[in-house]
Amino acid sequence: MDGHGGRRNKAEQDAMTVEVGYALVSAVFAAAVIFGAVAGPALLFGLPPLLSAVLLRVGLTLAPIVFVVRVVSVLVRFRRGGQPSQPGRTNPDS
């Protein structure tokens, strides 16, 4: 430890901040794409009211699920150290 009670160093804090930002931005994008793909036709075209309501409801249900799954998957992969520390190297002994 570095005498700071187990606190992370600045580089680790910056990496985590960037990763959280990436997770949130990519999750918003993914959720918007899913919502647009599912509910978009209901908003753009004159579909029957029942079909429009179903598409909107499905879009509003899937978008938050996709958002949460994307955030969790990015942060779990970051925590596991999903990328090698040196580009092009996949084995720490290489």
Protein backbone atom coordinates (compact mmCIF):
# COMPACT_ATOMS: atom_id res chain seq x y z
CA MET A 1 0.00 0.00 0.00
CA ASP A 2 1.05 3.54 -0.54
CA GLY A 3 0.05 4.91 2.87
CA HIS A 4 -3.26 6.28 1.63
CA GLY A 5 -5.43 3.59 3.17
CA GLY A 6 -5.57 1.48 0.01
CA ARG A 7 -6.67 4.33 -2.23
CA ARG A 8 -6.10 4.11 -5.94
CA ASN A 9 -3.46 6.15 -7.63
CA LYS A 10 -4.34 8.94 -10.03
CA ALA A 11 -3.85 6.81 -13.15
CA GLU A 12 -6.21 4.13 -11.82
CA GLN A 13 -8.80 6.78 -10.90
CA ASP A 14 -8.53 8.33 -14.35
CA ALA A 15 -8.85 4.92 -16.03
CA MET A 16 -11.95 4.12 -14.01
CA THR A 17 -13.48 7.53 -14.78
CA VAL A 18 -12.90 7.04 -18.50
CA GLU A 19 -14.29 3.51 -18.37
CA VAL A 20 -17.43 4.58 -16.51
CA GLY A 21 -17.94 7.40 -19.01
CA TYR A 22 -17.49 4.99 -21.91
CA ALA A 23 -19.90 2.52 -20.33
CA LEU A 24 -22.57 5.19 -19.89
CA VAL A 25 -22.20 6.76 -23.33
CA SER A 26 -22.13 3.43 -25.16
CA ALA A 27 -25.11 2.20 -23.11
CA VAL A 28 -27.15 5.30 -23.97
CA PHE A 29 -26.30 4.80 -27.64
CA ALA A 30 -27.21 1.10 -27.58
CA ALA A 31 -30.49 1.79 -25.77
CA ALA A 32 -31.37 4.56 -28.23
CA VAL A 33 -30.68 2.29 -31.20
CA ILE A 34 -32.85 -0.47 -29.75
CA PHE A 35 -35.65 1.96 -28.91
CA GLY A 36 -35.47 3.50 -32.38
CA ALA A 37 -35.48 0.13 -34.11
CA VAL A 38 -38.44 -1.18 -32.13
CA ALA A 39 -40.56 1.91 -31.44
CA GLY A 40 -39.44 4.03 -34.39
CA PRO A 41 -41.98 2.64 -36.84
CA ALA A 42 -44.77 3.40 -34.37
CA LEU A 43 -43.59 7.00 -34.15
CA LEU A 44 -42.94 7.51 -37.87
CA PHE A 45 -45.70 5.63 -39.64
CA GLY A 46 -49.46 5.57 -39.31
CA LEU A 47 -49.74 2.12 -37.79
CA PRO A 48 -52.89 0.80 -36.13
CA PRO A 49 -53.20 2.10 -32.54
CA LEU A 50 -52.82 -1.32 -30.91
CA LEU A 51 -49.64 -2.11 -32.87
CA SER A 52 -48.22 1.35 -32.10
CA ALA A 53 -48.91 0.90 -28.41
CA VAL A 54 -47.28 -2.55 -28.37
CA LEU A 55 -44.18 -1.34 -30.22
CA LEU A 56 -43.79 1.65 -27.89
CA ARG A 57 -44.21 -0.52 -24.82
CA VAL A 58 -41.70 -3.10 -26.06
CA GLY A 59 -39.24 -0.32 -26.95
CA LEU A 60 -39.65 1.29 -23.53
CA THR A 61 -39.08 -2.10 -21.90
CA LEU A 62 -36.06 -3.18 -23.94
CA ALA A 63 -34.16 0.13 -23.89
CA PRO A 64 -33.47 0.20 -20.11
CA ILE A 65 -32.62 -3.50 -20.12
CA VAL A 66 -30.07 -2.98 -22.90
CA PHE A 67 -28.70 0.06 -21.03
CA VAL A 68 -28.12 -1.88 -17.81
CA VAL A 69 -26.68 -4.94 -19.57
CA ARG A 70 -24.24 -2.76 -21.54
CA VAL A 71 -23.04 -0.81 -18.47
CA VAL A 72 -22.55 -3.99 -16.44
CA SER A 73 -20.77 -5.83 -19.24
CA VAL A 74 -18.33 -2.97 -19.89
CA LEU A 75 -17.53 -2.47 -16.21
CA VAL A 76 -17.13 -6.20 -15.52
CA ARG A 77 -14.79 -6.55 -18.49
CA PHE A 78 -12.79 -3.54 -17.25
CA ARG A 79 -12.55 -4.95 -13.73
CA ARG A 80 -11.26 -8.29 -15.08
CA GLY A 81 -8.63 -6.49 -17.14
CA GLY A 82 -10.06 -7.56 -20.47
CA GLN A 83 -7.26 -6.01 -22.55
CA PRO A 84 -3.54 -6.70 -22.47
CA SER A 85 -1.38 -3.99 -20.94
CA GLN A 86 0.81 -3.92 -24.03
CA PRO A 87 -0.87 -3.81 -27.44
CA GLY A 88 -0.21 -6.91 -29.47
CA ARG A 89 0.67 -9.05 -26.48
CA THR A 90 -1.84 -11.49 -25.09
CA ASN A 91 0.40 -13.54 -22.81
CA PRO A 92 2.11 -11.80 -19.87
CA ASP A 93 5.17 -14.04 -20.38
CA SER A 94 5.61 -13.20 -24.06
